[in-house]
């Protein structure tokens, strides 16, 4: 497991191409960056997967983000690091208002340079603290990390099977502390804005996600 083969893509660079299985686009088997090029800008949100309670929430949030960005002509695509069939099953019963693509090997995350650091004790502690904060916000009584994760799964209707718990351990061993990243790409395929988890606030910024207002401000800089 490495920290990533390249630094994150920067504004002004061409966005790397990709073709991925589409999860919830009716009648569409795959989705690619080429689908947007020459037509409209797109916000790419690269997430971990359904195992991550924060990613489940952030993907749901992107539904409202999309409603606000669409009048500006900007589309939104979430890219989740899980098999397409598992994502399709979950979102069949818990639909979200944003297109989702599946990238179980995180090839797009690597192509865009989203950091993949080792799971150090400091990162694990920061993630645990973020879960505790979320539990307080949602008034979840559990105080230990496993109890909080279980309660969050119950709230979200996500029940990993025994085999998936092993898959999650295997995923962590392979991908470590995979961060998330968001990239605004214009209609010419050029990256115009980037946000990387933890880039601004260090470990205190883990599990944080931009607000709709931040996404809107970034889009308005190059749409208007």
C-alpha atoms as a PDB file:
ATOM      1  CA  UNK A   1       0.000   0.000   0.000  1.00  0.00           C
ATOM      2  CA  UNK A   2       1.420   3.362  -1.045  1.00  0.00           C
ATOM      3  CA  UNK A   3       0.654   6.993  -0.375  1.00  0.00           C
ATOM      4  CA  UNK A   4      -0.225   7.492  -4.042  1.00  0.00           C
ATOM      5  CA  UNK A   5       1.721   7.465  -7.274  1.00  0.00           C
ATOM      6  CA  UNK A   6       1.330  11.194  -7.903  1.00  0.00           C
ATOM      7  CA  UNK A   7       0.287  14.367  -6.084  1.00  0.00           C
ATOM      8  CA  UNK A   8      -3.331  15.472  -6.468  1.00  0.00           C
ATOM      9  CA  UNK A   9      -4.314  16.901  -9.840  1.00  0.00           C
ATOM     10  CA  UNK A  10      -4.075  20.710  -9.673  1.00  0.00           C
ATOM     11  CA  UNK A  11      -6.256  23.431 -11.188  1.00  0.00           C
ATOM     12  CA  UNK A  12      -5.200  24.004 -14.784  1.00  0.00           C
ATOM     13  CA  UNK A  13      -4.351  20.355 -15.457  1.00  0.00           C
ATOM     14  CA  UNK A  14      -6.314  18.149 -17.811  1.00  0.00           C
ATOM     15  CA  UNK A  15      -8.556  15.786 -15.863  1.00  0.00           C
ATOM     16  CA  UNK A  16      -7.579  12.121 -16.334  1.00  0.00           C
ATOM     17  CA  UNK A  17     -10.104  10.135 -18.364  1.00  0.00           C
ATOM     18  CA  UNK A  18     -12.057   7.265 -16.869  1.00  0.00           C
ATOM     19  CA  UNK A  19     -14.816   4.805 -17.769  1.00  0.00           C
ATOM     20  CA  UNK A  20     -16.645   3.231 -14.809  1.00  0.00           C
ATOM     21  CA  UNK A  21     -19.743   1.105 -14.171  1.00  0.00           C
ATOM     22  CA  UNK A  22     -22.783   3.310 -13.633  1.00  0.00           C
ATOM     23  CA  UNK A  23     -24.775   2.502 -10.501  1.00  0.00           C
ATOM     24  CA  UNK A  24     -28.025   4.455 -10.687  1.00  0.00           C
ATOM     25  CA  UNK A  25     -28.216   5.946 -14.184  1.00  0.00           C
ATOM     26  CA  UNK A  26     -31.240   4.284 -15.792  1.00  0.00           C
ATOM     27  CA  UNK A  27     -30.390   2.517 -19.032  1.00  0.00           C
ATOM     28  CA  UNK A  28     -26.714   3.409 -18.744  1.00  0.00           C
ATOM     29  CA  UNK A  29     -24.108   0.742 -18.082  1.00  0.00           C
ATOM     30  CA  UNK A  30     -21.053   2.962 -17.879  1.00  0.00           C
ATOM     31  CA  UNK A  31     -20.216   6.589 -17.219  1.00  0.00           C
ATOM     32  CA  UNK A  32     -17.075   8.377 -18.390  1.00  0.00           C
ATOM     33  CA  UNK A  33     -15.470  11.787 -18.299  1.00  0.00           C
ATOM     34  CA  UNK A  34     -16.002  11.927 -22.061  1.00  0.00           C
ATOM     35  CA  UNK A  35     -19.773  11.971 -21.412  1.00  0.00           C
ATOM     36  CA  UNK A  36     -19.373  15.521 -20.069  1.00  0.00           C
ATOM     37  CA  UNK A  37     -16.575  16.899 -22.222  1.00  0.00           C
ATOM     38  CA  UNK A  38     -17.824  19.540 -24.623  1.00  0.00           C
ATOM     39  CA  UNK A  39     -21.254  19.506 -22.942  1.00  0.00           C
ATOM     40  CA  UNK A  40     -21.053  20.705 -19.347  1.00  0.00           C
ATOM     41  CA  UNK A  41     -18.747  21.028 -16.337  1.00  0.00           C
ATOM     42  CA  UNK A  42     -18.843  18.237 -13.754  1.00  0.00           C
ATOM     43  CA  UNK A  43     -18.045  17.977 -10.065  1.00  0.00           C
ATOM     44  CA  UNK A  44     -16.314  14.657  -9.406  1.00  0.00           C
ATOM     45  CA  UNK A  45     -16.565  13.492  -5.789  1.00  0.00           C
ATOM     46  CA  UNK A  46     -14.262  10.556  -5.035  1.00  0.00           C
ATOM     47  CA  UNK A  47     -15.420   8.649  -1.961  1.00  0.00           C
ATOM     48  CA  UNK A  48     -14.403   5.520  -0.094  1.00  0.00           C
ATOM     49  CA  UNK A  49     -17.549   3.383  -0.018  1.00  0.00           C
ATOM     50  CA  UNK A  50     -20.625   2.303   1.887  1.00  0.00           C
ATOM     51  CA  UNK A  51     -18.520   1.023   4.783  1.00  0.00           C
ATOM     52  CA  UNK A  52     -17.759   4.669   5.567  1.00  0.00           C
ATOM     53  CA  UNK A  53     -20.650   6.316   7.436  1.00  0.00           C
ATOM     54  CA  UNK A  54     -19.354   9.746   6.411  1.00  0.00           C
ATOM     55  CA  UNK A  55     -19.253   8.767   2.737  1.00  0.00           C
ATOM     56  CA  UNK A  56     -22.843   7.532   2.936  1.00  0.00           C
ATOM     57  CA  UNK A  57     -23.848  10.922   4.293  1.00  0.00           C
ATOM     58  CA  UNK A  58     -21.730  12.917   1.887  1.00  0.00           C
ATOM     59  CA  UNK A  59     -23.099  11.079  -1.146  1.00  0.00           C
ATOM     60  CA  UNK A  60     -26.619  11.809   0.114  1.00  0.00           C
ATOM     61  CA  UNK A  61     -25.645  15.476   0.598  1.00  0.00           C
ATOM     62  CA  UNK A  62     -24.479  15.621  -3.012  1.00  0.00           C
ATOM     63  CA  UNK A  63     -28.111  15.211  -4.038  1.00  0.00           C
ATOM     64  CA  UNK A  64     -28.870  18.711  -2.732  1.00  0.00           C
ATOM     65  CA  UNK A  65     -25.537  19.991  -4.056  1.00  0.00           C
ATOM     66  CA  UNK A  66     -26.536  18.788  -7.499  1.00  0.00           C
ATOM     67  CA  UNK A  67     -29.866  20.625  -7.328  1.00  0.00           C
ATOM     68  CA  UNK A  68     -27.990  23.865  -6.637  1.00  0.00           C
ATOM     69  CA  UNK A  69     -25.258  23.341  -9.244  1.00  0.00           C
ATOM     70  CA  UNK A  70     -27.522  22.199 -12.090  1.00  0.00           C
ATOM     71  CA  UNK A  71     -28.921  25.739 -12.712  1.00  0.00           C
ATOM     72  CA  UNK A  72     -25.303  26.788 -13.320  1.00  0.00           C
ATOM     73  CA  UNK A  73     -24.982  24.010 -15.879  1.00  0.00           C
ATOM     74  CA  UNK A  74     -22.750  21.885 -13.628  1.00  0.00           C
ATOM     75  CA  UNK A  75     -23.359  18.140 -13.234  1.00  0.00           C
ATOM     76  CA  UNK A  76     -22.248  16.032 -10.248  1.00  0.00           C
ATOM     77  CA  UNK A  77     -20.870  12.489 -10.172  1.00  0.00           C
ATOM     78  CA  UNK A  78     -19.955  10.519  -7.044  1.00  0.00           C
ATOM     79  CA  UNK A  79     -17.332   7.792  -7.467  1.00  0.00           C
ATOM     80  CA  UNK A  80     -17.391   5.140  -4.737  1.00  0.00           C
ATOM     81  CA  UNK A  81     -14.775   2.480  -4.081  1.00  0.00           C
ATOM     82  CA  UNK A  82     -17.062  -0.554  -3.958  1.00  0.00           C
ATOM     83  CA  UNK A  83     -18.338  -3.201  -6.407  1.00  0.00           C
ATOM     84  CA  UNK A  84     -21.190  -1.929  -8.599  1.00  0.00           C
ATOM     85  CA  UNK A  85     -23.610  -4.686  -7.600  1.00  0.00           C
ATOM     86  CA  UNK A  86     -23.311  -3.794  -3.900  1.00  0.00           C
ATOM     87  CA  UNK A  87     -23.806  -0.115  -4.589  1.00  0.00           C
ATOM     88  CA  UNK A  88     -26.808  -0.840  -6.826  1.00  0.00           C
ATOM     89  CA  UNK A  89     -28.431  -2.951  -4.128  1.00  0.00           C
ATOM     90  CA  UNK A  90     -28.041  -0.267  -1.483  1.00  0.00           C
ATOM     91  CA  UNK A  91     -29.167   2.636  -3.642  1.00  0.00           C
ATOM     92  CA  UNK A  92     -32.117   0.683  -4.986  1.00  0.00           C
ATOM     93  CA  UNK A  93     -33.602   0.828  -1.488  1.00  0.00           C
ATOM     94  CA  UNK A  94     -32.099   4.156  -0.443  1.00  0.00           C
ATOM     95  CA  UNK A  95     -32.070   6.286  -3.600  1.00  0.00           C
ATOM     96  CA  UNK A  96     -29.951   9.421  -3.778  1.00  0.00           C
ATOM     97  CA  UNK A  97     -30.343  12.389  -6.081  1.00  0.00           C
ATOM     98  CA  UNK A  98     -26.867  12.148  -7.560  1.00  0.00           C
ATOM     99  CA  UNK A  99     -25.374   9.778 -10.160  1.00  0.00           C
ATOM    100  CA  UNK A 100     -22.975   7.239  -8.635  1.00  0.00           C
ATOM    101  CA  UNK A 101     -20.186   5.316 -10.355  1.00  0.00           C
ATOM    102  CA  UNK A 102     -18.382   2.259  -8.980  1.00  0.00           C
ATOM    103  CA  UNK A 103     -14.594   2.039  -8.785  1.00  0.00           C
ATOM    104  CA  UNK A 104     -13.777  -0.871  -6.438  1.00  0.00           C
ATOM    105  CA  UNK A 105     -10.051  -0.736  -7.201  1.00  0.00           C
ATOM    106  CA  UNK A 106      -9.904   3.059  -6.706  1.00  0.00           C
ATOM    107  CA  UNK A 107      -8.182   3.493 -10.059  1.00  0.00           C
ATOM    108  CA  UNK A 108      -9.733   6.936 -10.518  1.00  0.00           C
ATOM    109  CA  UNK A 109      -8.672   8.030  -7.040  1.00  0.00           C
ATOM    110  CA  UNK A 110      -5.087   7.074  -7.894  1.00  0.00           C
ATOM    111  CA  UNK A 111      -5.215   8.722 -11.325  1.00  0.00           C
ATOM    112  CA  UNK A 112      -6.301  11.981  -9.698  1.00  0.00           C
ATOM    113  CA  UNK A 113      -3.692  11.652  -6.942  1.00  0.00           C
ATOM    114  CA  UNK A 114      -6.117  11.429  -4.018  1.00  0.00           C
ATOM    115  CA  UNK A 115      -3.831  10.520  -1.067  1.00  0.00           C
ATOM    116  CA  UNK A 116      -3.752   6.954   0.195  1.00  0.00           C
ATOM    117  CA  UNK A 117      -1.651   7.086   3.383  1.00  0.00           C
ATOM    118  CA  UNK A 118      -0.966   4.219   5.737  1.00  0.00           C
ATOM    119  CA  UNK A 119      -3.443   3.777   8.582  1.00  0.00           C
ATOM    120  CA  UNK A 120      -1.290   5.279  11.305  1.00  0.00           C
ATOM    121  CA  UNK A 121      -2.413   5.482  14.953  1.00  0.00           C
ATOM    122  CA  UNK A 122      -2.853   9.253  14.504  1.00  0.00           C
ATOM    123  CA  UNK A 123      -5.205   8.766  11.555  1.00  0.00           C
ATOM    124  CA  UNK A 124      -7.163   6.075  13.397  1.00  0.00           C
ATOM    125  CA  UNK A 125      -7.517   8.388  16.403  1.00  0.00           C
ATOM    126  CA  UNK A 126      -8.691  11.274  14.216  1.00  0.00           C
ATOM    127  CA  UNK A 127     -11.298   9.041  12.564  1.00  0.00           C
ATOM    128  CA  UNK A 128     -12.485   7.786  15.961  1.00  0.00           C
ATOM    129  CA  UNK A 129     -12.835  11.381  17.177  1.00  0.00           C
ATOM    130  CA  UNK A 130     -14.869  12.276  14.101  1.00  0.00           C
ATOM    131  CA  UNK A 131     -17.207   9.346  14.811  1.00  0.00           C
ATOM    132  CA  UNK A 132     -17.643  10.511  18.408  1.00  0.00           C
ATOM    133  CA  UNK A 133     -18.516  14.006  17.199  1.00  0.00           C
ATOM    134  CA  UNK A 134     -21.058  12.586  14.744  1.00  0.00           C
ATOM    135  CA  UNK A 135     -22.572  10.422  17.482  1.00  0.00           C
ATOM    136  CA  UNK A 136     -23.057  13.483  19.686  1.00  0.00           C
ATOM    137  CA  UNK A 137     -24.586  15.417  16.793  1.00  0.00           C
ATOM    138  CA  UNK A 138     -27.048  12.605  16.062  1.00  0.00           C
ATOM    139  CA  UNK A 139     -27.627  11.885  19.783  1.00  0.00           C
ATOM    140  CA  UNK A 140     -26.383   8.328  19.474  1.00  0.00           C
ATOM    141  CA  UNK A 141     -25.785   7.017  23.025  1.00  0.00           C
ATOM    142  CA  UNK A 142     -22.968   4.609  22.120  1.00  0.00           C
ATOM    143  CA  UNK A 143     -19.533   5.754  23.257  1.00  0.00           C
ATOM    144  CA  UNK A 144     -17.233   3.093  21.788  1.00  0.00           C
ATOM    145  CA  UNK A 145     -16.289   3.196  18.110  1.00  0.00           C
ATOM    146  CA  UNK A 146     -17.746  -0.196  17.201  1.00  0.00           C
ATOM    147  CA  UNK A 147     -21.038   0.704  18.876  1.00  0.00           C
ATOM    148  CA  UNK A 148     -21.194   4.022  17.037  1.00  0.00           C
ATOM    149  CA  UNK A 149     -20.461   2.401  13.669  1.00  0.00           C
ATOM    150  CA  UNK A 150     -23.141  -0.218  14.302  1.00  0.00           C
ATOM    151  CA  UNK A 151     -25.685   2.444  15.272  1.00  0.00           C
ATOM    152  CA  UNK A 152     -24.861   4.462  12.163  1.00  0.00           C
ATOM    153  CA  UNK A 153     -25.303   1.394   9.971  1.00  0.00           C
ATOM    154  CA  UNK A 154     -28.710   0.813  11.562  1.00  0.00           C
ATOM    155  CA  UNK A 155     -29.741   4.419  10.900  1.00  0.00           C
ATOM    156  CA  UNK A 156     -28.598   4.221   7.295  1.00  0.00           C
ATOM    157  CA  UNK A 157     -30.047   0.797   6.537  1.00  0.00           C
ATOM    158  CA  UNK A 158     -26.625  -0.617   5.713  1.00  0.00           C
ATOM    159  CA  UNK A 159     -26.014  -4.067   7.122  1.00  0.00           C
ATOM    160  CA  UNK A 160     -22.721  -5.552   5.959  1.00  0.00           C
ATOM    161  CA  UNK A 161     -22.729  -9.327   5.643  1.00  0.00           C
ATOM    162  CA  UNK A 162     -20.065 -11.409   7.381  1.00  0.00           C
ATOM    163  CA  UNK A 163     -18.187 -11.776   4.098  1.00  0.00           C
ATOM    164  CA  UNK A 164     -18.279  -8.016   3.624  1.00  0.00           C
ATOM    165  CA  UNK A 165     -16.726  -7.452   7.042  1.00  0.00           C
ATOM    166  CA  UNK A 166     -13.772  -9.480   5.810  1.00  0.00           C
ATOM    167  CA  UNK A 167     -13.864  -7.540   2.541  1.00  0.00           C
ATOM    168  CA  UNK A 168     -13.670  -4.331   4.584  1.00  0.00           C
ATOM    169  CA  UNK A 169     -10.589  -5.567   6.434  1.00  0.00           C
ATOM    170  CA  UNK A 170      -9.016  -6.611   3.147  1.00  0.00           C
ATOM    171  CA  UNK A 171      -9.904  -3.199   1.689  1.00  0.00           C
ATOM    172  CA  UNK A 172      -8.191  -1.409   4.592  1.00  0.00           C
ATOM    173  CA  UNK A 173      -5.081  -3.542   4.247  1.00  0.00           C
ATOM    174  CA  UNK A 174      -4.924  -2.770   0.528  1.00  0.00           C
ATOM    175  CA  UNK A 175      -5.947   0.895   0.473  1.00  0.00           C
ATOM    176  CA  UNK A 176      -5.062   2.042   3.992  1.00  0.00           C
ATOM    177  CA  UNK A 177      -6.412   5.425   5.037  1.00  0.00           C
ATOM    178  CA  UNK A 178      -7.776   6.362   1.626  1.00  0.00           C
ATOM    179  CA  UNK A 179      -8.727  10.042   1.631  1.00  0.00           C
ATOM    180  CA  UNK A 180     -11.525  11.614  -0.379  1.00  0.00           C
ATOM    181  CA  UNK A 181     -11.301  14.370  -2.964  1.00  0.00           C
ATOM    182  CA  UNK A 182     -13.509  16.600  -5.081  1.00  0.00           C
ATOM    183  CA  UNK A 183     -12.580  18.021  -8.478  1.00  0.00           C
ATOM    184  CA  UNK A 184     -14.498  20.571 -10.549  1.00  0.00           C
ATOM    185  CA  UNK A 185     -13.806  19.908 -14.223  1.00  0.00           C
ATOM    186  CA  UNK A 186     -14.889  22.379 -16.916  1.00  0.00           C
ATOM    187  CA  UNK A 187     -16.507  21.397 -20.213  1.00  0.00           C
ATOM    188  CA  UNK A 188     -13.082  21.334 -21.877  1.00  0.00           C
ATOM    189  CA  UNK A 189     -11.876  18.705 -19.434  1.00  0.00           C
ATOM    190  CA  UNK A 190      -9.656  21.066 -17.420  1.00  0.00           C
ATOM    191  CA  UNK A 191      -9.638  20.868 -13.622  1.00  0.00           C
ATOM    192  CA  UNK A 192     -10.634  24.247 -12.193  1.00  0.00           C
ATOM    193  CA  UNK A 193     -10.980  23.591  -8.428  1.00  0.00           C
ATOM    194  CA  UNK A 194      -9.758  20.884  -6.052  1.00  0.00           C
ATOM    195  CA  UNK A 195     -10.518  19.931  -2.468  1.00  0.00           C
ATOM    196  CA  UNK A 196      -8.620  17.109  -0.756  1.00  0.00           C
ATOM    197  CA  UNK A 197      -9.676  15.719   2.606  1.00  0.00           C
ATOM    198  CA  UNK A 198      -7.355  16.992   5.325  1.00  0.00           C
ATOM    199  CA  UNK A 199      -5.349  19.258   3.004  1.00  0.00           C
ATOM    200  CA  UNK A 200      -6.328  22.457   4.834  1.00  0.00           C
ATOM    201  CA  UNK A 201      -6.725  21.327   8.446  1.00  0.00           C
ATOM    202  CA  UNK A 202      -4.523  18.242   8.658  1.00  0.00           C
ATOM    203  CA  UNK A 203      -5.909  15.331  10.650  1.00  0.00           C
ATOM    204  CA  UNK A 204      -8.532  17.635  12.170  1.00  0.00           C
ATOM    205  CA  UNK A 205     -10.032  17.851   8.683  1.00  0.00           C
ATOM    206  CA  UNK A 206     -10.557  14.118   8.224  1.00  0.00           C
ATOM    207  CA  UNK A 207     -14.157  13.133   7.474  1.00  0.00           C
ATOM    208  CA  UNK A 208     -15.067  16.767   6.730  1.00  0.00           C
ATOM    209  CA  UNK A 209     -16.814  17.633   3.473  1.00  0.00           C
ATOM    210  CA  UNK A 210     -17.320  20.954   1.658  1.00  0.00           C
ATOM    211  CA  UNK A 211     -20.650  22.693   2.135  1.00  0.00           C
ATOM    212  CA  UNK A 212     -23.001  23.422  -0.749  1.00  0.00           C
ATOM    213  CA  UNK A 213     -21.969  27.062  -0.419  1.00  0.00           C
ATOM    214  CA  UNK A 214     -18.311  26.146  -0.963  1.00  0.00           C
ATOM    215  CA  UNK A 215     -19.169  24.089  -4.038  1.00  0.00           C
ATOM    216  CA  UNK A 216     -21.337  26.918  -5.380  1.00  0.00           C
ATOM    217  CA  UNK A 217     -18.625  29.531  -4.838  1.00  0.00           C
ATOM    218  CA  UNK A 218     -16.077  27.339  -6.633  1.00  0.00           C
ATOM    219  CA  UNK A 219     -18.405  26.736  -9.587  1.00  0.00           C
ATOM    220  CA  UNK A 220     -19.360  30.392  -9.952  1.00  0.00           C
ATOM    221  CA  UNK A 221     -15.716  31.387 -10.366  1.00  0.00           C
ATOM    222  CA  UNK A 222     -15.503  29.802 -13.800  1.00  0.00           C
ATOM    223  CA  UNK A 223     -19.122  29.417 -14.886  1.00  0.00           C
ATOM    224  CA  UNK A 224     -19.917  33.141 -14.776  1.00  0.00           C
END
